[in-house]
PDB file of N, CA and C in Angstrom:
ATOM      1  N   UNK A   1       0.569   6.668  22.020  1.00  0.00           N
ATOM      2  CA  UNK A   1       0.541   6.200  21.277  1.00  0.00           C
ATOM      3  C   UNK A   1       1.190   6.842  19.880  1.00  0.00           C
ATOM      4  N   UNK A   2       1.261   7.680  20.035  1.00  0.00           N
ATOM      5  CA  UNK A   2       2.003   7.960  18.451  1.00  0.00           C
ATOM      6  C   UNK A   2       4.171   6.901  18.673  1.00  0.00           C
ATOM      7  N   UNK A   3       4.211   6.840  19.472  1.00  0.00           N
ATOM      8  CA  UNK A   3       5.520   5.926  19.688  1.00  0.00           C
ATOM      9  C   UNK A   3       5.267   3.862  18.913  1.00  0.00           C
ATOM     10  N   UNK A   4       3.649   4.382  19.242  1.00  0.00           N
ATOM     11  CA  UNK A   4       3.214   2.167  19.447  1.00  0.00           C
ATOM     12  C   UNK A   4       3.255   2.404  17.301  1.00  0.00           C
ATOM     13  N   UNK A   5       3.007   3.634  17.483  1.00  0.00           N
ATOM     14  CA  UNK A   5       2.311   3.429  15.832  1.00  0.00           C
ATOM     15  C   UNK A   5       3.910   3.507  14.768  1.00  0.00           C
ATOM     16  N   UNK A   6       4.711   4.332  15.159  1.00  0.00           N
ATOM     17  CA  UNK A   6       5.764   4.155  15.062  1.00  0.00           C
ATOM     18  C   UNK A   6       7.217   2.906  15.228  1.00  0.00           C
ATOM     19  N   UNK A   7       6.554   2.530  15.729  1.00  0.00           N
ATOM     20  CA  UNK A   7       7.259   1.226  16.237  1.00  0.00           C
ATOM     21  C   UNK A   7       6.713   0.172  15.224  1.00  0.00           C
ATOM     22  N   UNK A   8       4.833  -0.013  14.513  1.00  0.00           N
ATOM     23  CA  UNK A   8       4.232  -0.426  13.831  1.00  0.00           C
ATOM     24  C   UNK A   8       5.041  -0.532  12.832  1.00  0.00           C
ATOM     25  N   UNK A   9       4.921   1.121  12.418  1.00  0.00           N
ATOM     26  CA  UNK A   9       5.169   1.064  10.734  1.00  0.00           C
ATOM     27  C   UNK A   9       7.117   0.604  10.882  1.00  0.00           C
ATOM     28  N   UNK A  10       7.741   0.912  11.260  1.00  0.00           N
ATOM     29  CA  UNK A  10       8.632   0.386  11.416  1.00  0.00           C
ATOM     30  C   UNK A  10       9.227  -0.500  10.519  1.00  0.00           C
ATOM     31  N   UNK A  11       8.172  -2.154  11.872  1.00  0.00           N
ATOM     32  CA  UNK A  11       8.646  -2.793  11.015  1.00  0.00           C
ATOM     33  C   UNK A  11       7.656  -3.678  10.055  1.00  0.00           C
ATOM     34  N   UNK A  12       6.388  -2.664   9.920  1.00  0.00           N
ATOM     35  CA  UNK A  12       6.043  -3.408   8.719  1.00  0.00           C
ATOM     36  C   UNK A  12       6.506  -2.835   7.200  1.00  0.00           C
ATOM     37  N   UNK A  13       7.460  -1.633   7.618  1.00  0.00           N
ATOM     38  CA  UNK A  13       8.131  -1.799   6.181  1.00  0.00           C
ATOM     39  C   UNK A  13       9.962  -2.025   5.828  1.00  0.00           C
ATOM     40  N   UNK A  14      10.363  -2.800   7.165  1.00  0.00           N
ATOM     41  CA  UNK A  14      11.008  -4.007   7.289  1.00  0.00           C
ATOM     42  C   UNK A  14      11.402  -4.894   6.756  1.00  0.00           C
ATOM     43  N   UNK A  15       9.421  -5.316   7.335  1.00  0.00           N
ATOM     44  CA  UNK A  15       9.087  -6.434   6.388  1.00  0.00           C
ATOM     45  C   UNK A  15       9.061  -6.791   4.849  1.00  0.00           C
ATOM     46  N   UNK A  16       8.404  -5.423   5.125  1.00  0.00           N
ATOM     47  CA  UNK A  16       8.124  -5.576   3.342  1.00  0.00           C
ATOM     48  C   UNK A  16       9.098  -4.968   2.076  1.00  0.00           C
ATOM     49  N   UNK A  17      10.135  -4.389   3.198  1.00  0.00           N
ATOM     50  CA  UNK A  17      11.619  -4.634   2.421  1.00  0.00           C
ATOM     51  C   UNK A  17      11.796  -5.793   2.090  1.00  0.00           C
ATOM     52  N   UNK A  18      12.349  -6.518   3.365  1.00  0.00           N
ATOM     53  CA  UNK A  18      11.997  -8.054   3.089  1.00  0.00           C
ATOM     54  C   UNK A  18      12.091  -8.938   1.980  1.00  0.00           C
ATOM     55  N   UNK A  19      10.121  -8.703   2.052  1.00  0.00           N
ATOM     56  CA  UNK A  19       9.940 -10.084   1.450  1.00  0.00           C
ATOM     57  C   UNK A  19       9.627  -9.056  -0.601  1.00  0.00           C
ATOM     58  N   UNK A  20      10.458  -8.269  -0.729  1.00  0.00           N
ATOM     59  CA  UNK A  20      10.009  -7.236  -1.816  1.00  0.00           C
ATOM     60  C   UNK A  20      11.809  -7.954  -2.091  1.00  0.00           C
ATOM     61  N   UNK A  21      12.750  -7.922  -1.544  1.00  0.00           N
ATOM     62  CA  UNK A  21      13.893  -8.251  -1.668  1.00  0.00           C
ATOM     63  C   UNK A  21      14.276  -9.268  -2.239  1.00  0.00           C
ATOM     64  N   UNK A  22      13.712 -10.596  -2.008  1.00  0.00           N
ATOM     65  CA  UNK A  22      13.182 -11.842  -1.832  1.00  0.00           C
ATOM     66  C   UNK A  22      12.330 -12.002  -2.833  1.00  0.00           C
ATOM     67  N   UNK A  23      11.184 -11.695  -2.955  1.00  0.00           N
ATOM     68  CA  UNK A  23      10.914 -12.544  -3.921  1.00  0.00           C
ATOM     69  C   UNK A  23      11.281 -10.957  -6.439  1.00  0.00           C
ATOM     70  N   UNK A  24      12.127 -10.409  -6.148  1.00  0.00           N
ATOM     71  CA  UNK A  24      12.579  -9.986  -7.110  1.00  0.00           C
ATOM     72  C   UNK A  24      12.804 -10.274  -8.528  1.00  0.00           C
ATOM     73  N   UNK A  25      13.189 -11.763  -7.894  1.00  0.00           N
ATOM     74  CA  UNK A  25      14.031 -12.129  -9.494  1.00  0.00           C
ATOM     75  C   UNK A  25      12.992 -13.311  -9.440  1.00  0.00           C
ATOM     76  N   UNK A  26      11.813 -13.428  -8.482  1.00  0.00           N
ATOM     77  CA  UNK A  26      10.440 -14.108  -8.966  1.00  0.00           C
ATOM     78  C   UNK A  26       9.913 -13.927 -10.086  1.00  0.00           C
ATOM     79  N   UNK A  27       9.345 -15.082 -10.796  1.00  0.00           N
ATOM     80  CA  UNK A  27       7.984 -14.454 -11.689  1.00  0.00           C
ATOM     81  C   UNK A  27       7.119 -13.843 -11.642  1.00  0.00           C
ATOM     82  N   UNK A  28       6.682 -13.168 -12.008  1.00  0.00           N
ATOM     83  CA  UNK A  28       5.290 -12.836 -12.314  1.00  0.00           C
ATOM     84  C   UNK A  28       3.591 -12.097 -12.209  1.00  0.00           C
ATOM     85  N   UNK A  29       3.103 -12.637 -12.052  1.00  0.00           N
ATOM     86  CA  UNK A  29       2.308 -13.401 -12.318  1.00  0.00           C
ATOM     87  C   UNK A  29       0.707 -12.012 -13.098  1.00  0.00           C
ATOM     88  N   UNK A  30       0.562 -12.861 -14.261  1.00  0.00           N
ATOM     89  CA  UNK A  30      -0.530 -11.429 -15.090  1.00  0.00           C
ATOM     90  C   UNK A  30      -1.950 -11.996 -14.829  1.00  0.00           C
ATOM     91  N   UNK A  31      -2.216 -12.847 -14.807  1.00  0.00           N
ATOM     92  CA  UNK A  31      -3.387 -13.281 -14.656  1.00  0.00           C
ATOM     93  C   UNK A  31      -3.830 -15.130 -13.877  1.00  0.00           C
ATOM     94  N   UNK A  32      -5.004 -14.701 -13.559  1.00  0.00           N
ATOM     95  CA  UNK A  32      -5.275 -15.645 -12.236  1.00  0.00           C
ATOM     96  C   UNK A  32      -5.172 -14.966 -11.206  1.00  0.00           C
ATOM     97  N   UNK A  33      -5.664 -15.668  -9.969  1.00  0.00           N
ATOM     98  CA  UNK A  33      -5.196 -15.367  -8.794  1.00  0.00           C
ATOM     99  C   UNK A  33      -4.234 -15.161  -7.827  1.00  0.00           C
ATOM    100  N   UNK A  34      -3.525 -14.584  -7.333  1.00  0.00           N
ATOM    101  CA  UNK A  34      -2.212 -14.506  -6.766  1.00  0.00           C
ATOM    102  C   UNK A  34      -2.834 -14.186  -5.258  1.00  0.00           C
ATOM    103  N   UNK A  35      -2.816 -14.030  -4.430  1.00  0.00           N
ATOM    104  CA  UNK A  35      -2.985 -14.037  -2.787  1.00  0.00           C
ATOM    105  C   UNK A  35      -1.391 -12.949  -2.150  1.00  0.00           C
ATOM    106  N   UNK A  36      -0.421 -13.273  -2.763  1.00  0.00           N
ATOM    107  CA  UNK A  36       1.123 -11.920  -2.487  1.00  0.00           C
ATOM    108  C   UNK A  36       0.716 -10.945  -3.111  1.00  0.00           C
ATOM    109  N   UNK A  37       0.587 -10.350  -3.132  1.00  0.00           N
ATOM    110  CA  UNK A  37       1.184  -9.063  -3.474  1.00  0.00           C
ATOM    111  C   UNK A  37       2.896  -8.194  -4.698  1.00  0.00           C
ATOM    112  N   UNK A  38       3.301  -9.524  -3.660  1.00  0.00           N
ATOM    113  CA  UNK A  38       5.047  -9.386  -4.212  1.00  0.00           C
ATOM    114  C   UNK A  38       5.081 -10.384  -5.719  1.00  0.00           C
ATOM    115  N   UNK A  39       4.148 -11.155  -5.986  1.00  0.00           N
ATOM    116  CA  UNK A  39       4.414 -12.300  -7.132  1.00  0.00           C
ATOM    117  C   UNK A  39       3.048 -11.041  -7.950  1.00  0.00           C
ATOM    118  N   UNK A  40       2.693 -10.081  -7.850  1.00  0.00           N
ATOM    119  CA  UNK A  40       1.617  -9.892  -9.068  1.00  0.00           C
ATOM    120  C   UNK A  40       2.528  -9.221  -9.869  1.00  0.00           C
ATOM    121  N   UNK A  41       1.971  -8.480 -11.524  1.00  0.00           N
ATOM    122  CA  UNK A  41       3.499  -7.693 -11.695  1.00  0.00           C
ATOM    123  C   UNK A  41       2.784  -6.351 -11.895  1.00  0.00           C
ATOM    124  N   UNK A  42       3.201  -5.490 -12.667  1.00  0.00           N
ATOM    125  CA  UNK A  42       3.909  -3.788 -11.988  1.00  0.00           C
ATOM    126  C   UNK A  42       1.091  -3.654 -12.696  1.00  0.00           C
ATOM    127  N   UNK A  43       1.575  -4.358 -13.823  1.00  0.00           N
ATOM    128  CA  UNK A  43      -0.378  -3.892 -13.942  1.00  0.00           C
ATOM    129  C   UNK A  43      -1.500  -4.236 -13.398  1.00  0.00           C
ATOM    130  N   UNK A  44      -0.599  -5.581 -12.468  1.00  0.00           N
ATOM    131  CA  UNK A  44      -2.241  -6.011 -11.096  1.00  0.00           C
ATOM    132  C   UNK A  44      -2.083  -5.007 -10.089  1.00  0.00           C
ATOM    133  N   UNK A  45      -0.209  -5.546  -9.474  1.00  0.00           N
ATOM    134  CA  UNK A  45      -0.595  -3.721  -8.408  1.00  0.00           C
ATOM    135  C   UNK A  45      -1.132  -2.871  -8.592  1.00  0.00           C
ATOM    136  N   UNK A  46      -1.041  -1.749 -10.615  1.00  0.00           N
ATOM    137  CA  UNK A  46      -2.194  -0.584 -10.614  1.00  0.00           C
ATOM    138  C   UNK A  46      -4.028  -1.190  -9.919  1.00  0.00           C
ATOM    139  N   UNK A  47      -3.686  -2.304 -10.963  1.00  0.00           N
ATOM    140  CA  UNK A  47      -5.627  -2.836 -10.855  1.00  0.00           C
ATOM    141  C   UNK A  47      -5.704  -3.031  -9.056  1.00  0.00           C
ATOM    142  N   UNK A  48      -4.931  -4.004  -8.066  1.00  0.00           N
ATOM    143  CA  UNK A  48      -5.516  -3.668  -7.109  1.00  0.00           C
ATOM    144  C   UNK A  48      -5.305  -2.823  -5.908  1.00  0.00           C
ATOM    145  N   UNK A  49      -4.678  -1.366  -6.909  1.00  0.00           N
ATOM    146  CA  UNK A  49      -4.191  -0.439  -5.906  1.00  0.00           C
ATOM    147  C   UNK A  49      -5.406   0.128  -5.672  1.00  0.00           C
ATOM    148  N   UNK A  50      -6.088   0.011  -7.026  1.00  0.00           N
ATOM    149  CA  UNK A  50      -6.988   0.818  -6.958  1.00  0.00           C
ATOM    150  C   UNK A  50      -8.597   0.537  -6.244  1.00  0.00           C
ATOM    151  N   UNK A  51      -8.512  -0.757  -6.223  1.00  0.00           N
ATOM    152  CA  UNK A  51      -9.605  -1.711  -5.600  1.00  0.00           C
ATOM    153  C   UNK A  51      -9.276  -1.413  -4.168  1.00  0.00           C
ATOM    154  N   UNK A  52      -8.092  -1.241  -3.195  1.00  0.00           N
ATOM    155  CA  UNK A  52      -8.390  -0.798  -1.950  1.00  0.00           C
ATOM    156  C   UNK A  52      -8.770   0.622  -1.619  1.00  0.00           C
ATOM    157  N   UNK A  53      -9.023   1.173  -3.061  1.00  0.00           N
ATOM    158  CA  UNK A  53      -9.154   2.714  -2.363  1.00  0.00           C
ATOM    159  C   UNK A  53     -10.724   2.320  -1.463  1.00  0.00           C
ATOM    160  N   UNK A  54     -12.064   1.775  -1.611  1.00  0.00           N
ATOM    161  CA  UNK A  54     -13.240   1.745  -0.710  1.00  0.00           C
ATOM    162  C   UNK A  54     -12.783   1.028   0.531  1.00  0.00           C
ATOM    163  N   UNK A  55     -12.052   0.909   0.070  1.00  0.00           N
ATOM    164  CA  UNK A  55     -11.263   0.102   2.273  1.00  0.00           C
ATOM    165  C   UNK A  55     -10.870   0.830   2.114  1.00  0.00           C
ATOM    166  N   UNK A  56      -9.895   2.039   1.787  1.00  0.00           N
ATOM    167  CA  UNK A  56      -9.530   3.163   3.193  1.00  0.00           C
ATOM    168  C   UNK A  56     -10.417   3.834   2.880  1.00  0.00           C
ATOM    169  N   UNK A  57     -11.201   4.318   2.054  1.00  0.00           N
ATOM    170  CA  UNK A  57     -11.522   5.567   2.400  1.00  0.00           C
ATOM    171  C   UNK A  57     -13.192   4.801   3.763  1.00  0.00           C
ATOM    172  N   UNK A  58     -13.528   4.064   3.229  1.00  0.00           N
ATOM    173  CA  UNK A  58     -14.321   2.888   5.208  1.00  0.00           C
ATOM    174  C   UNK A  58     -13.041   3.109   6.358  1.00  0.00           C
ATOM    175  N   UNK A  59     -12.397   2.799   5.948  1.00  0.00           N
ATOM    176  CA  UNK A  59     -11.405   2.763   7.199  1.00  0.00           C
ATOM    177  C   UNK A  59     -11.756   4.142   7.645  1.00  0.00           C
ATOM    178  N   UNK A  60     -10.960   5.264   6.896  1.00  0.00           N
ATOM    179  CA  UNK A  60     -10.962   6.198   7.421  1.00  0.00           C
ATOM    180  C   UNK A  60     -11.990   7.103   8.383  1.00  0.00           C
ATOM    181  N   UNK A  61     -13.392   6.145   7.225  1.00  0.00           N
ATOM    182  CA  UNK A  61     -14.423   6.986   7.203  1.00  0.00           C
ATOM    183  C   UNK A  61     -15.075   6.476   9.350  1.00  0.00           C
ATOM    184  N   UNK A  62     -14.656   5.400   9.435  1.00  0.00           N
ATOM    185  CA  UNK A  62     -15.073   4.371  10.794  1.00  0.00           C
ATOM    186  C   UNK A  62     -13.890   5.151  11.458  1.00  0.00           C
ATOM    187  N   UNK A  63     -12.363   4.654  11.060  1.00  0.00           N
ATOM    188  CA  UNK A  63     -11.541   5.726  12.189  1.00  0.00           C
ATOM    189  C   UNK A  63     -12.214   7.377  13.360  1.00  0.00           C
ATOM    190  N   UNK A  64     -12.543   8.118  11.421  1.00  0.00           N
ATOM    191  CA  UNK A  64     -12.963   9.283  11.803  1.00  0.00           C
ATOM    192  C   UNK A  64     -14.130   9.077  12.954  1.00  0.00           C
ATOM    193  N   UNK A  65     -15.015   8.121  12.995  1.00  0.00           N
ATOM    194  CA  UNK A  65     -16.544   8.665  14.106  1.00  0.00           C
ATOM    195  C   UNK A  65     -16.076   7.535  15.350  1.00  0.00           C
ATOM    196  N   UNK A  66     -15.455   6.774  14.947  1.00  0.00           N
ATOM    197  CA  UNK A  66     -15.749   5.369  16.371  1.00  0.00           C
ATOM    198  C   UNK A  66     -13.857   5.980  17.393  1.00  0.00           C
ATOM    199  N   UNK A  67     -13.654   6.555  16.829  1.00  0.00           N
ATOM    200  CA  UNK A  67     -11.728   6.806  17.385  1.00  0.00           C
ATOM    201  C   UNK A  67     -11.619   7.470  18.736  1.00  0.00           C
ATOM    202  N   UNK A  68     -10.946   7.660  19.577  1.00  0.00           N
ATOM    203  CA  UNK A  68     -11.105   8.460  20.701  1.00  0.00           C
ATOM    204  C   UNK A  68     -10.252   9.463  20.282  1.00  0.00           C
ATOM    205  N   UNK A  69      -8.646   9.247  19.170  1.00  0.00           N
ATOM    206  CA  UNK A  69      -7.598  10.039  19.417  1.00  0.00           C
ATOM    207  C   UNK A  69      -8.123  11.343  18.736  1.00  0.00           C
ATOM    208  N   UNK A  70      -6.644  11.809  18.913  1.00  0.00           N
ATOM    209  CA  UNK A  70      -7.369  13.423  18.999  1.00  0.00           C
ATOM    210  C   UNK A  70      -7.093  13.895  16.984  1.00  0.00           C
ATOM    211  N   UNK A  71      -8.295  15.364  16.863  1.00  0.00           N
ATOM    212  CA  UNK A  71      -8.338  15.512  15.574  1.00  0.00           C
ATOM    213  C   UNK A  71      -6.658  15.171  14.876  1.00  0.00           C
ATOM    214  N   UNK A  72      -5.768  15.406  15.541  1.00  0.00           N
ATOM    215  CA  UNK A  72      -3.828  16.221  14.693  1.00  0.00           C
ATOM    216  C   UNK A  72      -3.635  14.456  14.773  1.00  0.00           C
ATOM    217  N   UNK A  73      -4.660  13.052  15.642  1.00  0.00           N
ATOM    218  CA  UNK A  73      -3.246  12.242  14.806  1.00  0.00           C
ATOM    219  C   UNK A  73      -4.210  11.666  13.867  1.00  0.00           C
ATOM    220  N   UNK A  74      -5.654  11.662  13.729  1.00  0.00           N
ATOM    221  CA  UNK A  74      -6.525  11.775  12.781  1.00  0.00           C
ATOM    222  C   UNK A  74      -6.464  12.329  11.464  1.00  0.00           C
ATOM    223  N   UNK A  75      -6.317  13.324  11.648  1.00  0.00           N
ATOM    224  CA  UNK A  75      -5.812  14.419  10.390  1.00  0.00           C
ATOM    225  C   UNK A  75      -4.313  13.735   9.751  1.00  0.00           C
ATOM    226  N   UNK A  76      -3.714  13.217  10.571  1.00  0.00           N
ATOM    227  CA  UNK A  76      -2.339  12.679  10.070  1.00  0.00           C
ATOM    228  C   UNK A  76      -1.847  11.984   9.450  1.00  0.00           C
ATOM    229  N   UNK A  77      -2.407  11.084  10.508  1.00  0.00           N
ATOM    230  CA  UNK A  77      -2.543   9.274   9.429  1.00  0.00           C
ATOM    231  C   UNK A  77      -3.948   9.334   8.295  1.00  0.00           C
ATOM    232  N   UNK A  78      -4.846  10.507   8.123  1.00  0.00           N
ATOM    233  CA  UNK A  78      -5.454  10.192   6.948  1.00  0.00           C
ATOM    234  C   UNK A  78      -4.340  10.973   5.946  1.00  0.00           C
ATOM    235  N   UNK A  79      -3.614  11.734   6.473  1.00  0.00           N
ATOM    236  CA  UNK A  79      -2.307  12.368   5.057  1.00  0.00           C
ATOM    237  C   UNK A  79      -1.902  11.341   5.226  1.00  0.00           C
ATOM    238  N   UNK A  80      -1.432  10.394   5.577  1.00  0.00           N
ATOM    239  CA  UNK A  80       0.025   9.104   5.352  1.00  0.00           C
ATOM    240  C   UNK A  80      -0.814   7.991   4.628  1.00  0.00           C
ATOM    241  N   UNK A  81      -1.832   7.644   5.079  1.00  0.00           N
ATOM    242  CA  UNK A  81      -2.365   6.609   3.845  1.00  0.00           C
ATOM    243  C   UNK A  81      -3.045   7.246   2.459  1.00  0.00           C
ATOM    244  N   UNK A  82      -3.123   8.459   2.850  1.00  0.00           N
ATOM    245  CA  UNK A  82      -3.473   9.545   1.270  1.00  0.00           C
ATOM    246  C   UNK A  82      -2.154   9.226   0.407  1.00  0.00           C
ATOM    247  N   UNK A  83      -1.281   9.540   0.977  1.00  0.00           N
ATOM    248  CA  UNK A  83       0.277   9.500  -0.333  1.00  0.00           C
ATOM    249  C   UNK A  83       0.769   8.682   0.232  1.00  0.00           C
ATOM    250  N   UNK A  84       0.400   7.406   0.749  1.00  0.00           N
ATOM    251  CA  UNK A  84       1.827   5.984   0.827  1.00  0.00           C
ATOM    252  C   UNK A  84       0.442   5.728  -1.091  1.00  0.00           C
ATOM    253  N   UNK A  85      -0.900   6.150  -0.741  1.00  0.00           N
ATOM    254  CA  UNK A  85      -1.481   4.848  -1.992  1.00  0.00           C
ATOM    255  C   UNK A  85      -1.625   6.244  -3.027  1.00  0.00           C
ATOM    256  N   UNK A  86      -1.447   7.515  -3.247  1.00  0.00           N
ATOM    257  CA  UNK A  86      -0.718   8.092  -4.332  1.00  0.00           C
ATOM    258  C   UNK A  86       0.431   7.544  -5.199  1.00  0.00           C
ATOM    259  N   UNK A  87       1.528   7.464  -3.917  1.00  0.00           N
ATOM    260  CA  UNK A  87       3.040   7.129  -4.430  1.00  0.00           C
ATOM    261  C   UNK A  87       3.175   5.905  -5.251  1.00  0.00           C
ATOM    262  N   UNK A  88       2.244   5.141  -4.190  1.00  0.00           N
ATOM    263  CA  UNK A  88       1.728   3.702  -4.167  1.00  0.00           C
ATOM    264  C   UNK A  88       0.815   3.322  -6.073  1.00  0.00           C
ATOM    265  N   UNK A  89       0.363   4.135  -5.999  1.00  0.00           N
ATOM    266  CA  UNK A  89      -0.075   4.041  -7.447  1.00  0.00           C
ATOM    267  C   UNK A  89       0.393   4.114  -8.258  1.00  0.00           C
ATOM    268  N   UNK A  90       1.449   4.988  -8.526  1.00  0.00           N
ATOM    269  CA  UNK A  90       2.267   6.588  -9.405  1.00  0.00           C
ATOM    270  C   UNK A  90       4.049   5.678  -9.506  1.00  0.00           C
ATOM    271  N   UNK A  91       4.123   4.978  -8.625  1.00  0.00           N
ATOM    272  CA  UNK A  91       4.703   4.393  -9.015  1.00  0.00           C
ATOM    273  C   UNK A  91       4.518   3.033  -9.414  1.00  0.00           C
ATOM    274  N   UNK A  92       4.030   1.752  -9.034  1.00  0.00           N
ATOM    275  CA  UNK A  92       3.545   1.437 -10.032  1.00  0.00           C
ATOM    276  C   UNK A  92       3.324   1.587 -11.538  1.00  0.00           C
ATOM    277  N   UNK A  93       2.270   2.197 -11.411  1.00  0.00           N
ATOM    278  CA  UNK A  93       1.714   2.358 -12.946  1.00  0.00           C
ATOM    279  C   UNK A  93       3.098   3.008 -13.905  1.00  0.00           C
ATOM    280  N   UNK A  94       3.897   3.850 -12.976  1.00  0.00           N
ATOM    281  CA  UNK A  94       4.987   3.914 -14.351  1.00  0.00           C
ATOM    282  C   UNK A  94       5.533   2.649 -14.570  1.00  0.00           C
ATOM    283  N   UNK A  95       6.261   1.818 -13.586  1.00  0.00           N
ATOM    284  CA  UNK A  95       6.604   0.930 -14.244  1.00  0.00           C
ATOM    285  C   UNK A  95       6.326  -0.054 -14.742  1.00  0.00           C
ATOM    286  N   UNK A  96       4.837   0.281 -14.722  1.00  0.00           N
ATOM    287  CA  UNK A  96       3.730  -0.452 -15.588  1.00  0.00           C
ATOM    288  C   UNK A  96       4.285   0.314 -16.982  1.00  0.00           C
ATOM    289  N   UNK A  97       4.245   0.789 -17.263  1.00  0.00           N
ATOM    290  CA  UNK A  97       4.399   1.610 -18.273  1.00  0.00           C
ATOM    291  C   UNK A  97       5.698   1.625 -19.621  1.00  0.00           C
ATOM    292  N   UNK A  98       6.973   1.292 -18.403  1.00  0.00           N
ATOM    293  CA  UNK A  98       7.903   1.249 -18.366  1.00  0.00           C
ATOM    294  C   UNK A  98       8.063  -0.255 -18.843  1.00  0.00           C
ATOM    295  N   UNK A  99       7.906  -1.297 -18.077  1.00  0.00           N
ATOM    296  CA  UNK A  99       7.347  -2.338 -18.419  1.00  0.00           C
ATOM    297  C   UNK A  99       6.853  -2.283 -20.361  1.00  0.00           C
ATOM    298  N   UNK A 100       5.870  -2.311 -20.380  1.00  0.00           N
ATOM    299  CA  UNK A 100       5.653  -1.630 -21.935  1.00  0.00           C
ATOM    300  C   UNK A 100       6.129  -1.811 -22.774  1.00  0.00           C
ATOM    301  N   UNK A 101       6.881  -0.869 -22.958  1.00  0.00           N
ATOM    302  CA  UNK A 101       8.173  -0.264 -23.955  1.00  0.00           C
ATOM    303  C   UNK A 101       8.700  -0.713 -23.704  1.00  0.00           C
ATOM    304  N   UNK A 102       9.197  -1.725 -22.865  1.00  0.00           N
ATOM    305  CA  UNK A 102      10.721  -2.662 -23.323  1.00  0.00           C
ATOM    306  C   UNK A 102      10.157  -3.681 -23.760  1.00  0.00           C
TER     307      UNK A 102
END
């Protein structure tokens, strides 16, 4: 089970880096609906990150009660999601404030 998670995580990270590289010079949208996360401004990324919080809590709650994973895996995955969420929020908030100063 842990090797499947590691492989999936690597695939997601590579695809995310590739899409981010492709869209880095594109125009970022600050108003209106955008489906692609990579086309959002940093301000909108902060807002979308905050909107993800209830879904993450729901996902973790369901994982704890409905899966047969060992407790160490549940706690590890919870900690990983928590730190990724906090890191994503802090990074986008920092970049948003930098853009406001410029």
